[in-house]
Amino acid sequence: MPKSDIDAIVWWIPFKSLRNAVRNLLNNYTNLFNINSRNLENINYNNEIRQNITQIKQEINKLDIRNKARMQLLSMGEERIIKPIRNEKLIVSLTTYPQRIVDIDVVIFSLINQSIKPDKIILWLAYEEFPNLERDIPNHVLNLKKLGLEIEFCHNIYSYNKLIHALEKYPNDLIVTADDDIYYPYNWLEKLYKSYLENPNVIHCHRAHRIIFDDKNNILPYKQWLQEFKPQNSNPSYLNFSTGVAGTIYQHKLLHNDIFNEELFLELCPKADDIWVWIMALLKNTKINIIDSNMSHIVDFEIGYNYYSKLVDINVVQNFNDIQLDNCFKYYGDKLKNKLFEE
């Protein structure tokens, strides 16, 4: 790695000692890689070094994003930026928990800094996890209220917090879900909203997988679906399985009323709100559209630390998605699968 590349990576690190330490670490890894790359028999070792360097670059890039966002937040002053302007409100909704709330300000900055502003940004926090309410929230997060952030406390339905509570409170408005460890590009919301205005009768998302069947018309396991599917055209489909992490825009009327059946979804899909919402759309005959110029490759925008616990570790790695999907099909019967075959 050239010195100029290393300097470009580390220059935003705020503390000189940390900046120099990271620079030295990258230099050491680069030297090791250069030495071993001359020995073609050590391919596996070279790959390991290359992976380590890539991981370090990713972690430093996350730190870089955090630093830049926080510096820009400091320059924003105290004028309220997020305020209602539309009759049909455009609401960005997200949730977090104590382990991640320290970095939620970076995510919220990316939402405030969108090319079109939402009418509301709501952060849902569970009473069970924040029993002292705002006293459990870091001051640098509370300070975002002056820019328009709204903090709502709710009973805990886990990953469902970001959508269900907002749909219940704002049934006639548009709800856009966001995750708590993604730095969203400046035109993320604009792309979703424009796609909705062009076709308000479907659900629009940035990222989706394509459901695949075997030769006996059985749905293949989740891991075998077409991941981060990029269609050649923008035709909505029941087979598009939206993943909420990259952002999805919803209307209450496009989802079956069981969407609010807390006892049922915690029984059938306790860890997979994406599956439950997709089932609710299917029951309501609502198709899903993958928008053009989307941000499907979500890893490019992640800012979470490696030690963050993630539902993907349970749902995908441990195949829990397949179990929860099967639970839903057993409960609602073959009419859902038959609808998929119509396409």
Protein backbone atom coordinates (compact mmCIF):
# COMPACT_ATOMS: atom_id res chain seq x y z
CA MET A 1 0.00 0.00 0.00
CA PRO A 2 1.60 3.32 -1.04
CA LYS A 3 2.33 5.93 1.64
CA SER A 4 -0.17 8.30 0.01
CA ASP A 5 -2.94 5.71 0.44
CA ILE A 6 -2.08 5.21 4.09
CA ASP A 7 -2.09 8.97 4.68
CA ALA A 8 -5.48 9.24 2.98
CA ILE A 9 -6.87 6.62 5.35
CA VAL A 10 -5.52 7.94 8.64
CA TRP A 11 -5.55 11.73 8.30
CA TRP A 12 -9.01 12.16 9.86
CA ILE A 13 -8.14 10.24 13.06
CA PRO A 14 -8.38 12.99 15.69
CA PHE A 15 -5.61 12.01 18.13
CA LYS A 16 -2.02 12.14 16.92
CA SER A 17 -0.89 9.12 18.94
CA LEU A 18 -3.76 6.99 17.62
CA ARG A 19 -3.20 8.27 14.09
CA ASN A 20 0.48 7.35 14.21
CA ALA A 21 -0.25 3.94 15.72
CA VAL A 22 -2.67 3.08 12.94
CA ARG A 23 -0.24 4.39 10.32
CA ASN A 24 2.52 2.18 11.73
CA LEU A 25 0.21 -0.82 11.82
CA LEU A 26 -0.74 -0.36 8.18
CA ASN A 27 2.90 0.08 7.23
CA ASN A 28 3.80 -3.15 9.01
CA TYR A 29 1.02 -5.10 7.31
CA THR A 30 2.01 -3.65 3.95
CA ASN A 31 5.63 -4.65 4.45
CA LEU A 32 4.62 -8.17 5.42
CA PHE A 33 2.40 -8.43 2.39
CA ASN A 34 5.13 -7.19 0.05
CA ILE A 35 7.66 -9.65 1.48
CA ASN A 36 5.37 -12.64 1.25
CA SER A 37 3.91 -11.74 -2.13
CA ARG A 38 7.31 -12.58 -3.62
CA ASN A 39 6.86 -16.16 -2.47
CA LEU A 40 4.05 -17.62 -4.55
CA GLU A 41 3.97 -20.82 -2.48
CA ASN A 42 2.60 -18.88 0.48
CA ILE A 43 -0.70 -18.03 -1.20
CA ASN A 44 -2.85 -18.83 1.83
CA TYR A 45 -0.66 -16.73 4.07
CA ASN A 46 -0.76 -13.88 1.60
CA ASN A 47 -4.55 -14.07 1.47
CA GLU A 48 -4.70 -13.91 5.25
CA ILE A 49 -2.54 -10.80 5.29
CA ARG A 50 -4.63 -9.24 2.52
CA GLN A 51 -7.82 -9.93 4.47
CA ASN A 52 -6.31 -8.41 7.61
CA ILE A 53 -5.34 -5.26 5.73
CA THR A 54 -8.82 -5.00 4.21
CA GLN A 55 -10.40 -5.39 7.63
CA ILE A 56 -8.18 -2.70 9.10
CA LYS A 57 -9.07 -0.33 6.25
CA GLN A 58 -12.78 -0.99 6.84
CA GLU A 59 -12.52 -0.30 10.56
CA ILE A 60 -10.55 2.90 9.97
CA ASN A 61 -13.10 3.99 7.36
CA LYS A 62 -15.85 3.55 9.96
CA LEU A 63 -13.87 5.70 12.37
CA ASP A 64 -13.37 8.24 9.60
CA ILE A 65 -17.13 8.44 8.96
CA ARG A 66 -17.86 8.92 12.66
CA ASN A 67 -15.30 11.70 13.02
CA LYS A 68 -16.51 13.62 9.97
CA ALA A 69 -20.17 13.30 10.97
CA ARG A 70 -19.55 14.55 14.50
CA MET A 71 -17.48 17.49 13.31
CA GLN A 72 -20.28 18.49 10.94
CA LEU A 73 -22.87 18.10 13.70
CA LEU A 74 -20.90 20.56 15.81
CA SER A 75 -21.07 23.10 12.98
CA MET A 76 -24.85 22.84 12.52
CA GLY A 77 -25.77 25.17 15.33
CA GLU A 78 -29.13 24.92 17.06
CA GLU A 79 -31.63 25.72 14.31
CA ARG A 80 -34.30 23.06 13.87
CA ILE A 81 -33.76 21.30 10.52
CA ILE A 82 -36.38 18.53 10.60
CA LYS A 83 -39.95 19.85 10.70
CA PRO A 84 -43.30 18.85 9.17
CA ILE A 85 -44.00 20.29 5.71
CA ARG A 86 -46.11 17.62 3.94
CA ASN A 87 -49.75 16.67 4.39
CA GLU A 88 -48.82 13.01 4.06
CA LYS A 89 -45.84 13.01 6.39
CA LEU A 90 -42.60 11.33 5.39
CA ILE A 91 -41.33 9.76 8.61
CA VAL A 92 -37.99 8.05 9.13
CA SER A 93 -38.20 5.56 11.97
CA LEU A 94 -35.42 3.63 13.70
CA THR A 95 -34.61 1.96 16.98
CA THR A 96 -31.53 1.06 18.97
CA TYR A 97 -30.49 -0.41 22.30
CA PRO A 98 -27.96 0.51 25.01
CA GLN A 99 -24.97 -1.21 23.40
CA ARG A 100 -25.29 0.90 20.24
CA ILE A 101 -26.76 4.20 21.37
CA VAL A 102 -23.34 5.84 21.72
CA ASP A 103 -22.96 5.83 17.92
CA ILE A 104 -26.58 6.51 16.94
CA ASP A 105 -25.76 10.21 16.50
CA VAL A 106 -23.71 9.36 13.39
CA VAL A 107 -26.64 7.51 11.82
CA ILE A 108 -29.06 10.30 12.69
CA PHE A 109 -26.72 12.89 11.19
CA SER A 110 -26.86 10.98 7.90
CA LEU A 111 -30.67 11.11 8.10
CA ILE A 112 -30.74 14.83 8.90
CA ASN A 113 -28.31 15.52 6.07
CA GLN A 114 -30.52 14.03 3.32
CA SER A 115 -31.08 15.85 0.02
CA ILE A 116 -34.78 15.98 0.89
CA LYS A 117 -35.71 16.30 4.54
CA PRO A 118 -38.21 13.99 6.22
CA ASP A 119 -41.05 15.50 8.21
CA LYS A 120 -40.00 13.52 11.25
CA ILE A 121 -37.11 11.38 12.45
CA ILE A 122 -38.22 9.18 15.33
CA LEU A 123 -35.91 7.11 17.51
CA TRP A 124 -37.84 4.42 19.39
CA LEU A 125 -36.32 3.26 22.68
CA ALA A 126 -37.71 0.49 24.88
CA TYR A 127 -38.72 1.26 28.46
CA GLU A 128 -37.20 -2.06 29.48
CA GLU A 129 -33.78 -1.05 28.13
CA PHE A 130 -33.88 2.63 29.10
CA PRO A 131 -35.76 2.53 32.43
CA ASN A 132 -34.57 6.01 33.42
CA LEU A 133 -35.78 7.41 30.11
CA GLU A 134 -33.69 10.38 28.92
CA ARG A 135 -31.29 10.02 31.84
CA ASP A 136 -30.07 6.83 30.16
CA ILE A 137 -29.37 8.62 26.87
CA PRO A 138 -25.95 10.22 26.22
CA ASN A 139 -26.00 14.02 26.05
CA HIS A 140 -24.58 14.11 22.53
CA VAL A 141 -27.65 12.14 21.39
CA LEU A 142 -30.10 14.27 23.36
CA ASN A 143 -28.58 17.36 21.74
CA LEU A 144 -29.95 16.17 18.40
CA LYS A 145 -33.48 16.98 19.57
CA LYS A 146 -32.80 20.66 18.85
CA LEU A 147 -32.26 19.70 15.19
CA GLY A 148 -35.60 17.90 15.07
CA LEU A 149 -34.95 14.38 16.34
CA GLU A 150 -37.91 12.95 18.25
CA ILE A 151 -37.30 10.31 20.91
CA GLU A 152 -40.24 8.05 21.74
CA PHE A 153 -40.28 5.42 24.48
CA CYS A 154 -42.17 2.20 23.87
CA HIS A 155 -42.67 -1.32 25.17
CA ASN A 156 -40.07 -3.64 23.74
CA ILE A 157 -40.86 -5.68 20.64
CA TYR A 158 -37.19 -5.77 19.66
CA SER A 159 -36.42 -5.35 15.95
CA TYR A 160 -40.11 -4.60 15.35
CA ASN A 161 -39.79 -1.37 17.35
CA LYS A 162 -38.71 0.64 14.32
CA LEU A 163 -41.83 -0.10 12.23
CA ILE A 164 -44.80 -1.28 14.29
CA HIS A 165 -44.98 1.63 16.73
CA ALA A 166 -44.68 4.17 13.92
CA LEU A 167 -47.39 2.48 11.82
CA GLU A 168 -49.71 2.46 14.84
CA LYS A 169 -49.15 6.11 15.71
CA TYR A 170 -49.09 7.43 12.12
CA PRO A 171 -51.44 5.16 10.11
CA ASN A 172 -52.01 7.72 7.34
CA ASP A 173 -48.39 8.66 6.74
CA LEU A 174 -45.33 7.15 5.07
CA ILE A 175 -42.92 5.23 7.27
CA VAL A 176 -39.34 4.73 6.13
CA THR A 177 -37.33 2.29 8.21
CA ALA A 178 -33.63 2.73 8.91
CA ASP A 179 -31.09 0.70 10.86
CA ASP A 180 -28.90 1.90 13.70
CA ASP A 181 -25.50 1.00 12.25
CA ILE A 182 -25.72 2.37 8.70
CA TYR A 183 -24.48 5.74 7.41
CA TYR A 184 -27.06 6.53 4.74
CA PRO A 185 -25.97 8.35 1.54
CA TYR A 186 -27.32 11.87 1.08
CA ASN A 187 -29.86 10.88 -1.62
CA TRP A 188 -31.02 7.67 0.08
CA LEU A 189 -34.40 9.08 1.12
CA GLU A 190 -34.98 11.05 -2.08
CA LYS A 191 -34.65 7.90 -4.19
CA LEU A 192 -37.16 6.03 -2.05
CA TYR A 193 -39.65 8.89 -2.02
CA LYS A 194 -39.47 9.51 -5.78
CA SER A 195 -40.03 5.82 -6.43
CA TYR A 196 -43.06 5.89 -4.14
CA LEU A 197 -44.53 8.93 -5.91
CA GLU A 198 -44.21 7.13 -9.24
CA ASN A 199 -46.07 4.07 -7.94
CA PRO A 200 -47.73 4.48 -4.53
CA ASN A 201 -49.44 1.08 -4.65
CA VAL A 202 -46.38 -1.04 -3.92
CA ILE A 203 -43.67 -1.19 -1.27
CA HIS A 204 -40.34 0.29 -2.35
CA CYS A 205 -36.92 -0.73 -1.04
CA HIS A 206 -33.23 -0.21 -1.72
CA ARG A 207 -32.22 -3.82 -1.15
CA ALA A 208 -33.95 -7.16 -1.63
CA HIS A 209 -33.22 -10.81 -2.18
CA ARG A 210 -34.99 -12.84 -4.86
CA ILE A 211 -36.86 -15.92 -3.64
CA ILE A 212 -35.93 -19.07 -5.55
CA PHE A 213 -37.72 -22.43 -5.90
CA ASP A 214 -36.45 -25.93 -6.58
CA ASP A 215 -37.83 -28.15 -9.37
CA LYS A 216 -40.62 -29.33 -7.02
CA ASN A 217 -41.81 -25.78 -6.32
CA ASN A 218 -40.38 -25.73 -2.81
CA ILE A 219 -38.83 -22.49 -1.61
CA LEU A 220 -35.08 -22.95 -1.36
CA PRO A 221 -33.28 -22.10 1.92
CA TYR A 222 -32.70 -18.40 2.54
CA LYS A 223 -28.96 -18.66 1.87
CA GLN A 224 -29.66 -19.94 -1.65
CA TRP A 225 -31.85 -17.01 -2.71
CA LEU A 226 -30.42 -14.45 -5.12
CA GLN A 227 -28.74 -12.13 -2.64
CA GLU A 228 -28.86 -8.36 -3.19
CA PHE A 229 -30.90 -8.99 -6.32
CA LYS A 230 -30.54 -6.39 -9.08
CA PRO A 231 -33.43 -6.72 -11.56
CA GLN A 232 -32.98 -5.72 -15.19
CA ASN A 233 -36.23 -3.78 -14.99
CA SER A 234 -38.19 -2.15 -12.22
CA ASN A 235 -41.12 -4.55 -12.14
CA PRO A 236 -42.57 -5.04 -8.64
CA SER A 237 -42.84 -8.66 -7.58
CA TYR A 238 -44.04 -10.87 -4.74
CA LEU A 239 -40.71 -12.67 -5.07
CA ASN A 240 -38.70 -9.61 -4.04
CA PHE A 241 -37.89 -10.01 -0.35
CA SER A 242 -37.01 -6.60 1.04
CA THR A 243 -34.38 -6.29 3.75
CA GLY A 244 -35.05 -3.38 6.07
CA VAL A 245 -31.40 -2.57 6.73
CA ALA A 246 -31.00 -0.55 3.51
CA GLY A 247 -34.29 1.29 3.87
CA THR A 248 -37.89 0.55 2.89
CA ILE A 249 -40.89 2.87 2.55
CA TYR A 250 -44.25 1.60 3.86
CA GLN A 251 -47.89 2.58 4.01
CA HIS A 252 -50.22 1.00 6.54
CA LYS A 253 -52.85 0.31 3.89
CA LEU A 254 -50.43 -1.90 1.92
CA LEU A 255 -50.02 -4.36 4.81
CA HIS A 256 -52.41 -6.93 6.26
CA ASN A 257 -53.91 -6.01 9.64
CA ASP A 258 -52.10 -8.88 11.32
CA ILE A 259 -49.04 -6.65 11.10
CA PHE A 260 -50.02 -5.41 14.59
CA ASN A 261 -50.68 -8.86 16.10
CA GLU A 262 -47.82 -8.77 18.56
CA GLU A 263 -48.55 -12.11 20.17
CA LEU A 264 -48.59 -13.78 16.76
CA PHE A 265 -45.45 -12.27 15.25
CA LEU A 266 -43.44 -12.87 18.42
CA GLU A 267 -44.51 -16.50 18.25
CA LEU A 268 -43.95 -17.08 14.52
CA CYS A 269 -41.16 -14.59 13.73
CA PRO A 270 -39.58 -13.37 16.98
CA LYS A 271 -36.27 -12.41 15.36
CA ALA A 272 -37.23 -11.68 11.75
CA ASP A 273 -39.33 -8.57 11.24
CA ASP A 274 -38.35 -8.58 7.54
CA ILE A 275 -40.08 -11.95 7.08
CA TRP A 276 -43.19 -10.86 8.95
CA VAL A 277 -43.55 -7.64 6.95
CA TRP A 278 -43.05 -9.53 3.67
CA ILE A 279 -45.78 -12.01 4.69
CA MET A 280 -48.11 -9.12 5.60
CA ALA A 281 -47.54 -7.55 2.17
CA LEU A 282 -48.20 -10.88 0.46
CA LEU A 283 -51.47 -11.33 2.37
CA LYS A 284 -52.52 -7.84 1.22
CA ASN A 285 -51.60 -8.57 -2.44
CA THR A 286 -48.87 -5.93 -2.28
CA LYS A 287 -45.80 -6.35 -4.45
CA ILE A 288 -42.32 -5.08 -3.67
CA ASN A 289 -40.25 -2.88 -5.94
CA ILE A 290 -36.47 -2.63 -5.86
CA ILE A 291 -35.73 0.98 -6.73
CA ASP A 292 -33.30 2.07 -9.43
CA SER A 293 -29.78 3.18 -8.43
CA ASN A 294 -30.20 1.56 -5.05
CA MET A 295 -27.72 1.07 -2.21
CA SER A 296 -27.96 -2.72 -2.20
CA HIS A 297 -24.34 -3.43 -1.22
CA ILE A 298 -24.93 -2.44 2.36
CA VAL A 299 -21.51 -3.38 3.72
CA ASP A 300 -20.14 -0.19 2.12
CA PHE A 301 -22.24 1.89 4.52
CA GLU A 302 -21.90 -0.04 7.79
CA ILE A 303 -20.41 1.84 10.71
CA GLY A 304 -20.98 -0.73 13.46
CA TYR A 305 -18.13 -2.17 15.46
CA ASN A 306 -17.30 -5.84 14.94
CA TYR A 307 -18.35 -6.68 18.49
CA TYR A 308 -21.90 -5.45 17.88
CA SER A 309 -24.34 -8.34 18.11
CA LYS A 310 -26.40 -8.71 14.94
CA LEU A 311 -29.61 -10.56 14.12
CA VAL A 312 -27.97 -11.79 10.92
CA ASP A 313 -25.79 -14.05 13.08
CA ILE A 314 -28.93 -15.80 14.34
CA ASN A 315 -31.22 -15.59 11.35
CA VAL A 316 -28.81 -16.29 8.50
CA VAL A 317 -25.78 -18.03 9.95
CA GLN A 318 -27.89 -20.31 12.16
CA ASN A 319 -30.62 -20.73 9.50
CA PHE A 320 -33.30 -19.29 11.80
CA ASN A 321 -34.79 -17.37 8.87
CA ASP A 322 -35.88 -20.65 7.28
CA ILE A 323 -37.54 -21.79 10.50
CA GLN A 324 -39.47 -18.53 10.91
CA LEU A 325 -40.52 -18.46 7.26
CA ASP A 326 -41.78 -22.02 7.56
CA ASN A 327 -43.72 -21.03 10.69
CA CYS A 328 -45.58 -18.37 8.71
CA PHE A 329 -46.40 -20.62 5.76
CA LYS A 330 -47.72 -23.31 8.09
CA TYR A 331 -49.90 -20.79 9.92
CA TYR A 332 -51.36 -19.03 6.86
CA GLY A 333 -51.53 -22.08 4.62
CA ASP A 334 -50.79 -22.80 0.98
CA LYS A 335 -52.61 -19.71 -0.31
CA LEU A 336 -49.41 -17.72 0.18
CA LYS A 337 -47.23 -20.12 -1.77
CA ASN A 338 -49.83 -20.32 -4.52
CA LYS A 339 -49.68 -16.56 -4.87
CA LEU A 340 -45.94 -16.79 -5.43
CA PHE A 341 -46.44 -19.33 -8.20
CA GLU A 342 -48.73 -16.90 -10.04
CA GLU A 343 -45.63 -15.07 -11.21
